[in-house]
Amino acid sequence: MTNMTPNEFLKAVDHAASMNDRWLFLAAFCLLLLGGGIVIYWLVRQLQVVLADHKELRESHHAALAQIIERQSETSLKLAVCIDHNTAALNECAFELRRFQERKEV
């Protein structure tokens, strides 16, 4: 009974359904179980596909975030160098301004 083909199963269900209401209920219940099993199998397959897609998207998202962080680090470094150069230039300008004012006073 474990190696029934779908045709044999349907014949058994049809035979059971023709017996009486109790057998009709059992046949309908078997069909309901079979249909539920097929639906559950389909849902599990869909869930596996969604999880695989989610994993792929997550990996691409992490790669994009890593690139953004790398660019931000490079930009921060350039900004720090620029601020350092500007500070040195302002100090030099302040020194020249003081020297110019001292010449003017003398």
PDB file of N, CA and C in Angstrom:
ATOM      1  N   MET A   1       0.819  -1.193   0.000  1.00  0.00           N
ATOM      2  CA  MET A   1       0.000   0.000   0.000  1.00  0.00           C
ATOM      3  C   MET A   1       0.865   1.260   0.000  1.00  0.00           C
ATOM      4  N   THR A   2       2.147   1.133   0.295  1.00  0.00           N
ATOM      5  CA  THR A   2       3.003   2.314   0.337  1.00  0.00           C
ATOM      6  C   THR A   2       3.417   2.767  -1.052  1.00  0.00           C
ATOM      7  N   ASN A   3       3.401   1.882  -2.058  1.00  0.00           N
ATOM      8  CA  ASN A   3       3.812   2.236  -3.406  1.00  0.00           C
ATOM      9  C   ASN A   3       2.611   2.356  -4.336  1.00  0.00           C
ATOM     10  N   MET A   4       1.631   3.148  -3.937  1.00  0.00           N
ATOM     11  CA  MET A   4       0.426   3.324  -4.762  1.00  0.00           C
ATOM     12  C   MET A   4       0.679   4.407  -5.796  1.00  0.00           C
ATOM     13  N   THR A   5       0.214   4.160  -6.994  1.00  0.00           N
ATOM     14  CA  THR A   5       0.270   5.194  -8.025  1.00  0.00           C
ATOM     15  C   THR A   5      -0.900   6.139  -7.800  1.00  0.00           C
ATOM     16  N   PRO A   6      -0.853   7.314  -8.384  1.00  0.00           N
ATOM     17  CA  PRO A   6      -1.982   8.246  -8.214  1.00  0.00           C
ATOM     18  C   PRO A   6      -3.309   7.654  -8.705  1.00  0.00           C
ATOM     19  N   ASN A   7      -3.276   6.862  -9.783  1.00  0.00           N
ATOM     20  CA  ASN A   7      -4.529   6.252 -10.279  1.00  0.00           C
ATOM     21  C   ASN A   7      -5.075   5.243  -9.283  1.00  0.00           C
ATOM     22  N   GLU A   8      -4.206   4.438  -8.707  1.00  0.00           N
ATOM     23  CA  GLU A   8      -4.664   3.463  -7.704  1.00  0.00           C
ATOM     24  C   GLU A   8      -5.223   4.171  -6.482  1.00  0.00           C
ATOM     25  N   PHE A   9      -4.577   5.264  -6.096  1.00  0.00           N
ATOM     26  CA  PHE A   9      -5.058   6.017  -4.942  1.00  0.00           C
ATOM     27  C   PHE A   9      -6.445   6.591  -5.214  1.00  0.00           C
ATOM     28  N   LEU A  10      -6.617   7.182  -6.409  1.00  0.00           N
ATOM     29  CA  LEU A  10      -7.925   7.739  -6.747  1.00  0.00           C
ATOM     30  C   LEU A  10      -9.003   6.661  -6.828  1.00  0.00           C
ATOM     31  N   LYS A  11      -8.630   5.474  -7.345  1.00  0.00           N
ATOM     32  CA  LYS A  11      -9.603   4.372  -7.385  1.00  0.00           C
ATOM     33  C   LYS A  11      -9.993   3.956  -5.975  1.00  0.00           C
ATOM     34  N   ALA A  12      -9.002   3.916  -5.071  1.00  0.00           N
ATOM     35  CA  ALA A  12      -9.293   3.548  -3.680  1.00  0.00           C
ATOM     36  C   ALA A  12     -10.180   4.595  -3.029  1.00  0.00           C
ATOM     37  N   VAL A  13      -9.912   5.866  -3.313  1.00  0.00           N
ATOM     38  CA  VAL A  13     -10.746   6.936  -2.754  1.00  0.00           C
ATOM     39  C   VAL A  13     -12.153   6.857  -3.335  1.00  0.00           C
ATOM     40  N   ASP A  14     -12.270   6.599  -4.612  1.00  0.00           N
ATOM     41  CA  ASP A  14     -13.585   6.486  -5.245  1.00  0.00           C
ATOM     42  C   ASP A  14     -14.359   5.312  -4.666  1.00  0.00           C
ATOM     43  N   HIS A  15     -13.677   4.198  -4.474  1.00  0.00           N
ATOM     44  CA  HIS A  15     -14.323   3.021  -3.887  1.00  0.00           C
ATOM     45  C   HIS A  15     -14.785   3.332  -2.468  1.00  0.00           C
ATOM     46  N   ALA A  16     -13.922   4.027  -1.713  1.00  0.00           N
ATOM     47  CA  ALA A  16     -14.293   4.361  -0.342  1.00  0.00           C
ATOM     48  C   ALA A  16     -15.461   5.337  -0.324  1.00  0.00           C
ATOM     49  N   ALA A  17     -15.490   6.251  -1.265  1.00  0.00           N
ATOM     50  CA  ALA A  17     -16.564   7.230  -1.308  1.00  0.00           C
ATOM     51  C   ALA A  17     -17.900   6.586  -1.666  1.00  0.00           C
ATOM     52  N   SER A  18     -17.852   5.524  -2.411  1.00  0.00           N
ATOM     53  CA  SER A  18     -19.113   4.881  -2.796  1.00  0.00           C
ATOM     54  C   SER A  18     -19.668   3.986  -1.692  1.00  0.00           C
ATOM     55  N   MET A  19     -18.923   3.743  -0.644  1.00  0.00           N
ATOM     56  CA  MET A  19     -19.367   2.836   0.416  1.00  0.00           C
ATOM     57  C   MET A  19     -20.500   3.446   1.247  1.00  0.00           C
ATOM     58  N   ASN A  20     -20.171   4.489   2.059  1.00  0.00           N
ATOM     59  CA  ASN A  20     -21.203   5.190   2.826  1.00  0.00           C
ATOM     60  C   ASN A  20     -20.601   6.508   3.327  1.00  0.00           C
ATOM     61  N   ASP A  21     -21.316   7.232   4.158  1.00  0.00           N
ATOM     62  CA  ASP A  21     -20.880   8.554   4.577  1.00  0.00           C
ATOM     63  C   ASP A  21     -19.581   8.522   5.372  1.00  0.00           C
ATOM     64  N   ARG A  22     -19.400   7.492   6.181  1.00  0.00           N
ATOM     65  CA  ARG A  22     -18.167   7.408   6.956  1.00  0.00           C
ATOM     66  C   ARG A  22     -16.970   7.276   6.035  1.00  0.00           C
ATOM     67  N   TRP A  23     -17.099   6.449   5.036  1.00  0.00           N
ATOM     68  CA  TRP A  23     -15.997   6.273   4.084  1.00  0.00           C
ATOM     69  C   TRP A  23     -15.820   7.510   3.211  1.00  0.00           C
ATOM     70  N   LEU A  24     -16.925   8.165   2.912  1.00  0.00           N
ATOM     71  CA  LEU A  24     -16.855   9.403   2.162  1.00  0.00           C
ATOM     72  C   LEU A  24     -16.066  10.462   2.948  1.00  0.00           C
ATOM     73  N   PHE A  25     -16.345  10.538   4.237  1.00  0.00           N
ATOM     74  CA  PHE A  25     -15.607  11.465   5.082  1.00  0.00           C
ATOM     75  C   PHE A  25     -14.119  11.116   5.101  1.00  0.00           C
ATOM     76  N   LEU A  26     -13.804   9.832   5.250  1.00  0.00           N
ATOM     77  CA  LEU A  26     -12.399   9.413   5.274  1.00  0.00           C
ATOM     78  C   LEU A  26     -11.713   9.706   3.936  1.00  0.00           C
ATOM     79  N   ALA A  27     -12.413   9.494   2.845  1.00  0.00           N
ATOM     80  CA  ALA A  27     -11.834   9.775   1.533  1.00  0.00           C
ATOM     81  C   ALA A  27     -11.591  11.274   1.364  1.00  0.00           C
ATOM     82  N   ALA A  28     -12.563  12.080   1.773  1.00  0.00           N
ATOM     83  CA  ALA A  28     -12.399  13.530   1.682  1.00  0.00           C
ATOM     84  C   ALA A  28     -11.265  14.001   2.586  1.00  0.00           C
ATOM     85  N   PHE A  29     -11.158  13.390   3.751  1.00  0.00           N
ATOM     86  CA  PHE A  29     -10.083  13.746   4.678  1.00  0.00           C
ATOM     87  C   PHE A  29      -8.715  13.395   4.093  1.00  0.00           C
ATOM     88  N   CYS A  30      -8.628  12.240   3.441  1.00  0.00           N
ATOM     89  CA  CYS A  30      -7.366  11.853   2.790  1.00  0.00           C
ATOM     90  C   CYS A  30      -7.004  12.833   1.678  1.00  0.00           C
ATOM     91  N   LEU A  31      -7.994  13.213   0.883  1.00  0.00           N
ATOM     92  CA  LEU A  31      -7.730  14.190  -0.169  1.00  0.00           C
ATOM     93  C   LEU A  31      -7.324  15.543   0.410  1.00  0.00           C
ATOM     94  N   LEU A  32      -7.953  15.915   1.511  1.00  0.00           N
ATOM     95  CA  LEU A  32      -7.587  17.158   2.178  1.00  0.00           C
ATOM     96  C   LEU A  32      -6.148  17.098   2.689  1.00  0.00           C
ATOM     97  N   LEU A  33      -5.769  15.985   3.279  1.00  0.00           N
ATOM     98  CA  LEU A  33      -4.388  15.820   3.753  1.00  0.00           C
ATOM     99  C   LEU A  33      -3.403  15.872   2.585  1.00  0.00           C
ATOM    100  N   LEU A  34      -3.734  15.199   1.506  1.00  0.00           N
ATOM    101  CA  LEU A  34      -2.855  15.211   0.338  1.00  0.00           C
ATOM    102  C   LEU A  34      -2.727  16.628  -0.223  1.00  0.00           C
ATOM    103  N   GLY A  35      -3.841  17.330  -0.368  1.00  0.00           N
ATOM    104  CA  GLY A  35      -3.810  18.707  -0.872  1.00  0.00           C
ATOM    105  C   GLY A  35      -3.039  19.631   0.065  1.00  0.00           C
ATOM    106  N   GLY A  36      -3.266  19.463   1.377  1.00  0.00           N
ATOM    107  CA  GLY A  36      -2.525  20.271   2.357  1.00  0.00           C
ATOM    108  C   GLY A  36      -1.035  20.005   2.287  1.00  0.00           C
ATOM    109  N   GLY A  37      -0.668  18.741   2.115  1.00  0.00           N
ATOM    110  CA  GLY A  37       0.756  18.396   1.985  1.00  0.00           C
ATOM    111  C   GLY A  37       1.385  19.044   0.763  1.00  0.00           C
ATOM    112  N   ILE A  38       0.647  19.037  -0.345  1.00  0.00           N
ATOM    113  CA  ILE A  38       1.161  19.659  -1.572  1.00  0.00           C
ATOM    114  C   ILE A  38       1.321  21.165  -1.384  1.00  0.00           C
ATOM    115  N   VAL A  39       0.345  21.787  -0.744  1.00  0.00           N
ATOM    116  CA  VAL A  39       0.419  23.240  -0.497  1.00  0.00           C
ATOM    117  C   VAL A  39       1.585  23.561   0.432  1.00  0.00           C
ATOM    118  N   ILE A  40       1.759  22.778   1.478  1.00  0.00           N
ATOM    119  CA  ILE A  40       2.869  23.015   2.409  1.00  0.00           C
ATOM    120  C   ILE A  40       4.203  22.831   1.699  1.00  0.00           C
ATOM    121  N   TYR A  41       4.314  21.806   0.865  1.00  0.00           N
ATOM    122  CA  TYR A  41       5.550  21.577   0.109  1.00  0.00           C
ATOM    123  C   TYR A  41       5.844  22.777  -0.792  1.00  0.00           C
ATOM    124  N   TRP A  42       4.818  23.288  -1.481  1.00  0.00           N
ATOM    125  CA  TRP A  42       4.993  24.444  -2.366  1.00  0.00           C
ATOM    126  C   TRP A  42       5.417  25.680  -1.563  1.00  0.00           C
ATOM    127  N   LEU A  43       4.795  25.893  -0.405  1.00  0.00           N
ATOM    128  CA  LEU A  43       5.143  27.051   0.422  1.00  0.00           C
ATOM    129  C   LEU A  43       6.580  26.966   0.930  1.00  0.00           C
ATOM    130  N   VAL A  44       7.017  25.772   1.299  1.00  0.00           N
ATOM    131  CA  VAL A  44       8.394  25.599   1.766  1.00  0.00           C
ATOM    132  C   VAL A  44       9.372  25.902   0.642  1.00  0.00           C
ATOM    133  N   ARG A  45       9.065  25.434  -0.557  1.00  0.00           N
ATOM    134  CA  ARG A  45       9.931  25.720  -1.710  1.00  0.00           C
ATOM    135  C   ARG A  45       9.999  27.234  -1.969  1.00  0.00           C
ATOM    136  N   GLN A  46       8.859  27.912  -1.902  1.00  0.00           N
ATOM    137  CA  GLN A  46       8.844  29.359  -2.106  1.00  0.00           C
ATOM    138  C   GLN A  46       9.650  30.078  -1.022  1.00  0.00           C
ATOM    139  N   LEU A  47       9.538  29.603   0.211  1.00  0.00           N
ATOM    140  CA  LEU A  47      10.300  30.189   1.305  1.00  0.00           C
ATOM    141  C   LEU A  47      11.800  30.016   1.082  1.00  0.00           C
ATOM    142  N   GLN A  48      12.211  28.857   0.593  1.00  0.00           N
ATOM    143  CA  GLN A  48      13.626  28.631   0.309  1.00  0.00           C
ATOM    144  C   GLN A  48      14.122  29.575  -0.780  1.00  0.00           C
ATOM    145  N   VAL A  49      13.310  29.815  -1.799  1.00  0.00           N
ATOM    146  CA  VAL A  49      13.689  30.742  -2.865  1.00  0.00           C
ATOM    147  C   VAL A  49      13.812  32.167  -2.319  1.00  0.00           C
ATOM    148  N   VAL A  50      12.862  32.570  -1.481  1.00  0.00           N
ATOM    149  CA  VAL A  50      12.898  33.913  -0.900  1.00  0.00           C
ATOM    150  C   VAL A  50      14.124  34.072  -0.014  1.00  0.00           C
ATOM    151  N   LEU A  51      14.440  33.070   0.792  1.00  0.00           N
ATOM    152  CA  LEU A  51      15.613  33.142   1.655  1.00  0.00           C
ATOM    153  C   LEU A  51      16.899  33.221   0.850  1.00  0.00           C
ATOM    154  N   ALA A  52      16.984  32.478  -0.242  1.00  0.00           N
ATOM    155  CA  ALA A  52      18.179  32.539  -1.093  1.00  0.00           C
ATOM    156  C   ALA A  52      18.314  33.925  -1.723  1.00  0.00           C
ATOM    157  N   ASP A  53      17.205  34.485  -2.203  1.00  0.00           N
ATOM    158  CA  ASP A  53      17.236  35.836  -2.772  1.00  0.00           C
ATOM    159  C   ASP A  53      17.640  36.859  -1.719  1.00  0.00           C
ATOM    160  N   HIS A  54      17.100  36.703  -0.507  1.00  0.00           N
ATOM    161  CA  HIS A  54      17.417  37.628   0.581  1.00  0.00           C
ATOM    162  C   HIS A  54      18.901  37.569   0.924  1.00  0.00           C
ATOM    163  N   LYS A  55      19.459  36.376   0.944  1.00  0.00           N
ATOM    164  CA  LYS A  55      20.884  36.221   1.250  1.00  0.00           C
ATOM    165  C   LYS A  55      21.733  36.910   0.181  1.00  0.00           C
ATOM    166  N   GLU A  56      21.376  36.736  -1.071  1.00  0.00           N
ATOM    167  CA  GLU A  56      22.112  37.362  -2.172  1.00  0.00           C
ATOM    168  C   GLU A  56      22.027  38.886  -2.093  1.00  0.00           C
ATOM    169  N   LEU A  57      20.830  39.405  -1.838  1.00  0.00           N
ATOM    170  CA  LEU A  57      20.655  40.852  -1.723  1.00  0.00           C
ATOM    171  C   LEU A  57      21.403  41.408  -0.517  1.00  0.00           C
ATOM    172  N   ARG A  58      21.397  40.664   0.589  1.00  0.00           N
ATOM    173  CA  ARG A  58      22.105  41.107   1.784  1.00  0.00           C
ATOM    174  C   ARG A  58      23.602  41.201   1.516  1.00  0.00           C
ATOM    175  N   GLU A  59      24.160  40.219   0.814  1.00  0.00           N
ATOM    176  CA  GLU A  59      25.583  40.236   0.504  1.00  0.00           C
ATOM    177  C   GLU A  59      25.936  41.404  -0.407  1.00  0.00           C
ATOM    178  N   SER A  60      25.101  41.686  -1.407  1.00  0.00           N
ATOM    179  CA  SER A  60      25.379  42.820  -2.290  1.00  0.00           C
ATOM    180  C   SER A  60      25.233  44.143  -1.534  1.00  0.00           C
ATOM    181  N   HIS A  61      24.279  44.199  -0.613  1.00  0.00           N
ATOM    182  CA  HIS A  61      24.089  45.400   0.209  1.00  0.00           C
ATOM    183  C   HIS A  61      25.315  45.639   1.095  1.00  0.00           C
ATOM    184  N   HIS A  62      25.838  44.585   1.702  1.00  0.00           N
ATOM    185  CA  HIS A  62      27.023  44.713   2.549  1.00  0.00           C
ATOM    186  C   HIS A  62      28.233  45.162   1.726  1.00  0.00           C
ATOM    187  N   ALA A  63      28.351  44.651   0.519  1.00  0.00           N
ATOM    188  CA  ALA A  63      29.464  45.062  -0.346  1.00  0.00           C
ATOM    189  C   ALA A  63      29.345  46.548  -0.696  1.00  0.00           C
ATOM    190  N   ALA A  64      28.127  46.993  -1.008  1.00  0.00           N
ATOM    191  CA  ALA A  64      27.917  48.412  -1.327  1.00  0.00           C
ATOM    192  C   ALA A  64      28.212  49.286  -0.109  1.00  0.00           C
ATOM    193  N   LEU A  65      27.797  48.846   1.069  1.00  0.00           N
ATOM    194  CA  LEU A  65      28.085  49.615   2.279  1.00  0.00           C
ATOM    195  C   LEU A  65      29.585  49.686   2.550  1.00  0.00           C
ATOM    196  N   ALA A  66      30.290  48.606   2.295  1.00  0.00           N
ATOM    197  CA  ALA A  66      31.743  48.600   2.487  1.00  0.00           C
ATOM    198  C   ALA A  66      32.403  49.610   1.552  1.00  0.00           C
ATOM    199  N   GLN A  67      31.943  49.696   0.313  1.00  0.00           N
ATOM    200  CA  GLN A  67      32.489  50.680  -0.624  1.00  0.00           C
ATOM    201  C   GLN A  67      32.194  52.102  -0.162  1.00  0.00           C
ATOM    202  N   ILE A  68      30.987  52.337   0.323  1.00  0.00           N
ATOM    203  CA  ILE A  68      30.626  53.671   0.799  1.00  0.00           C
ATOM    204  C   ILE A  68      31.505  54.061   1.986  1.00  0.00           C
ATOM    205  N   ILE A  69      31.701  53.141   2.905  1.00  0.00           N
ATOM    206  CA  ILE A  69      32.530  53.423   4.083  1.00  0.00           C
ATOM    207  C   ILE A  69      33.973  53.700   3.664  1.00  0.00           C
ATOM    208  N   GLU A  70      34.467  52.949   2.697  1.00  0.00           N
ATOM    209  CA  GLU A  70      35.828  53.173   2.213  1.00  0.00           C
ATOM    210  C   GLU A  70      35.957  54.559   1.591  1.00  0.00           C
ATOM    211  N   ARG A  71      34.985  54.955   0.781  1.00  0.00           N
ATOM    212  CA  ARG A  71      35.014  56.293   0.165  1.00  0.00           C
ATOM    213  C   ARG A  71      34.928  57.387   1.223  1.00  0.00           C
ATOM    214  N   GLN A  72      34.091  57.170   2.245  1.00  0.00           N
ATOM    215  CA  GLN A  72      33.971  58.162   3.308  1.00  0.00           C
ATOM    216  C   GLN A  72      35.286  58.286   4.076  1.00  0.00           C
ATOM    217  N   SER A  73      35.971  57.182   4.290  1.00  0.00           N
ATOM    218  CA  SER A  73      37.252  57.228   4.983  1.00  0.00           C
ATOM    219  C   SER A  73      38.274  58.003   4.164  1.00  0.00           C
ATOM    220  N   GLU A  74      38.311  57.745   2.862  1.00  0.00           N
ATOM    221  CA  GLU A  74      39.229  58.479   1.987  1.00  0.00           C
ATOM    222  C   GLU A  74      38.912  59.967   1.994  1.00  0.00           C
ATOM    223  N   THR A  75      37.643  60.303   1.924  1.00  0.00           N
ATOM    224  CA  THR A  75      37.232  61.707   1.925  1.00  0.00           C
ATOM    225  C   THR A  75      37.579  62.369   3.256  1.00  0.00           C
ATOM    226  N   SER A  76      37.382  61.662   4.355  1.00  0.00           N
ATOM    227  CA  SER A  76      37.725  62.198   5.673  1.00  0.00           C
ATOM    228  C   SER A  76      39.219  62.463   5.773  1.00  0.00           C
ATOM    229  N   LEU A  77      40.017  61.561   5.249  1.00  0.00           N
ATOM    230  CA  LEU A  77      41.464  61.745   5.263  1.00  0.00           C
ATOM    231  C   LEU A  77      41.857  62.966   4.437  1.00  0.00           C
ATOM    232  N   LYS A  78      41.270  63.108   3.242  1.00  0.00           N
ATOM    233  CA  LYS A  78      41.555  64.280   2.413  1.00  0.00           C
ATOM    234  C   LYS A  78      41.134  65.565   3.113  1.00  0.00           C
ATOM    235  N   LEU A  79      39.992  65.531   3.776  1.00  0.00           N
ATOM    236  CA  LEU A  79      39.504  66.704   4.501  1.00  0.00           C
ATOM    237  C   LEU A  79      40.439  67.054   5.651  1.00  0.00           C
ATOM    238  N   ALA A  80      40.930  66.061   6.360  1.00  0.00           N
ATOM    239  CA  ALA A  80      41.862  66.313   7.461  1.00  0.00           C
ATOM    240  C   ALA A  80      43.152  66.946   6.944  1.00  0.00           C
ATOM    241  N   VAL A  81      43.661  66.457   5.824  1.00  0.00           N
ATOM    242  CA  VAL A  81      44.871  67.028   5.226  1.00  0.00           C
ATOM    243  C   VAL A  81      44.604  68.474   4.795  1.00  0.00           C
ATOM    244  N   CYS A  82      43.452  68.716   4.199  1.00  0.00           N
ATOM    245  CA  CYS A  82      43.086  70.068   3.754  1.00  0.00           C
ATOM    246  C   CYS A  82      42.986  71.017   4.946  1.00  0.00           C
ATOM    247  N   ILE A  83      42.367  70.571   6.025  1.00  0.00           N
ATOM    248  CA  ILE A  83      42.252  71.404   7.230  1.00  0.00           C
ATOM    249  C   ILE A  83      43.634  71.690   7.798  1.00  0.00           C
ATOM    250  N   ASP A  84      44.509  70.705   7.798  1.00  0.00           N
ATOM    251  CA  ASP A  84      45.869  70.893   8.292  1.00  0.00           C
ATOM    252  C   ASP A  84      46.610  71.931   7.449  1.00  0.00           C
ATOM    253  N   HIS A  85      46.500  71.827   6.134  1.00  0.00           N
ATOM    254  CA  HIS A  85      47.140  72.802   5.249  1.00  0.00           C
ATOM    255  C   HIS A  85      46.552  74.195   5.446  1.00  0.00           C
ATOM    256  N   ASN A  86      45.244  74.282   5.603  1.00  0.00           N
ATOM    257  CA  ASN A  86      44.597  75.577   5.824  1.00  0.00           C
ATOM    258  C   ASN A  86      45.036  76.187   7.152  1.00  0.00           C
ATOM    259  N   THR A  87      45.170  75.361   8.175  1.00  0.00           N
ATOM    260  CA  THR A  87      45.633  75.860   9.470  1.00  0.00           C
ATOM    261  C   THR A  87      47.043  76.410   9.358  1.00  0.00           C
ATOM    262  N   ALA A  88      47.906  75.683   8.662  1.00  0.00           N
ATOM    263  CA  ALA A  88      49.278  76.161   8.470  1.00  0.00           C
ATOM    264  C   ALA A  88      49.285  77.466   7.671  1.00  0.00           C
ATOM    265  N   ALA A  89      48.475  77.555   6.641  1.00  0.00           N
ATOM    266  CA  ALA A  89      48.405  78.776   5.833  1.00  0.00           C
ATOM    267  C   ALA A  89      47.875  79.943   6.656  1.00  0.00           C
ATOM    268  N   LEU A  90      46.871  79.714   7.500  1.00  0.00           N
ATOM    269  CA  LEU A  90      46.339  80.782   8.349  1.00  0.00           C
ATOM    270  C   LEU A  90      47.370  81.242   9.371  1.00  0.00           C
ATOM    271  N   ASN A  91      48.125  80.309   9.928  1.00  0.00           N
ATOM    272  CA  ASN A  91      49.185  80.685  10.866  1.00  0.00           C
ATOM    273  C   ASN A  91      50.227  81.547  10.164  1.00  0.00           C
ATOM    274  N   GLU A  92      50.568  81.174   8.951  1.00  0.00           N
ATOM    275  CA  GLU A  92      51.535  81.951   8.179  1.00  0.00           C
ATOM    276  C   GLU A  92      50.988  83.340   7.858  1.00  0.00           C
ATOM    277  N   CYS A  93      49.720  83.409   7.506  1.00  0.00           N
ATOM    278  CA  CYS A  93      49.101  84.705   7.233  1.00  0.00           C
ATOM    279  C   CYS A  93      49.075  85.574   8.494  1.00  0.00           C
ATOM    280  N   ALA A  94      48.758  84.962   9.631  1.00  0.00           N
ATOM    281  CA  ALA A  94      48.742  85.718  10.886  1.00  0.00           C
ATOM    282  C   ALA A  94      50.132  86.237  11.199  1.00  0.00           C
ATOM    283  N   PHE A  95      51.145  85.426  10.971  1.00  0.00           N
ATOM    284  CA  PHE A  95      52.525  85.846  11.208  1.00  0.00           C
ATOM    285  C   PHE A  95      52.886  87.017  10.300  1.00  0.00           C
ATOM    286  N   GLU A  96      52.535  86.919   9.022  1.00  0.00           N
ATOM    287  CA  GLU A  96      52.832  87.993   8.071  1.00  0.00           C
ATOM    288  C   GLU A  96      52.068  89.266   8.419  1.00  0.00           C
ATOM    289  N   LEU A  97      50.819  89.102   8.873  1.00  0.00           N
ATOM    290  CA  LEU A  97      50.019  90.268   9.254  1.00  0.00           C
ATOM    291  C   LEU A  97      50.637  90.974  10.451  1.00  0.00           C
ATOM    292  N   ARG A  98      51.079  90.214  11.462  1.00  0.00           N
ATOM    293  CA  ARG A  98      51.737  90.808  12.621  1.00  0.00           C
ATOM    294  C   ARG A  98      53.009  91.532  12.206  1.00  0.00           C
ATOM    295  N   ARG A  99      53.775  90.920  11.333  1.00  0.00           N
ATOM    296  CA  ARG A  99      55.027  91.528  10.860  1.00  0.00           C
ATOM    297  C   ARG A  99      54.747  92.824  10.092  1.00  0.00           C
ATOM    298  N   PHE A 100      53.693  92.813   9.274  1.00  0.00           N
ATOM    299  CA  PHE A 100      53.325  94.000   8.511  1.00  0.00           C
ATOM    300  C   PHE A 100      52.892  95.127   9.450  1.00  0.00           C
ATOM    301  N   GLN A 101      52.103  94.758  10.482  1.00  0.00           N
ATOM    302  CA  GLN A 101      51.645  95.769  11.441  1.00  0.00           C
ATOM    303  C   GLN A 101      52.813  96.332  12.243  1.00  0.00           C
ATOM    304  N   GLU A 102      53.785  95.498  12.574  1.00  0.00           N
ATOM    305  CA  GLU A 102      54.957  95.960  13.315  1.00  0.00           C
ATOM    306  C   GLU A 102      55.753  96.927  12.457  1.00  0.00           C
ATOM    307  N   ARG A 103      55.888  96.705  11.176  1.00  0.00           N
ATOM    308  CA  ARG A 103      56.597  97.610  10.272  1.00  0.00           C
ATOM    309  C   ARG A 103      55.883  98.957  10.177  1.00  0.00           C
ATOM    310  N   LYS A 104      54.567  98.861  10.163  1.00  0.00           N
ATOM    311  CA  LYS A 104      53.775 100.070  10.055  1.00  0.00           C
ATOM    312  C   LYS A 104      53.944 100.946  11.281  1.00  0.00           C
ATOM    313  N   GLU A 105      54.029 100.337  12.448  1.00  0.00           N
ATOM    314  CA  GLU A 105      54.141 101.073  13.701  1.00  0.00           C
ATOM    315  C   GLU A 105      55.514 101.714  13.843  1.00  0.00           C
ATOM    316  N   VAL A 106      56.519 101.138  13.268  1.00  0.00           N
ATOM    317  CA  VAL A 106      57.886 101.647  13.412  1.00  0.00           C
ATOM    318  C   VAL A 106      58.138 102.782  12.499  1.00  0.00           C
TER     319      VAL A 106
END
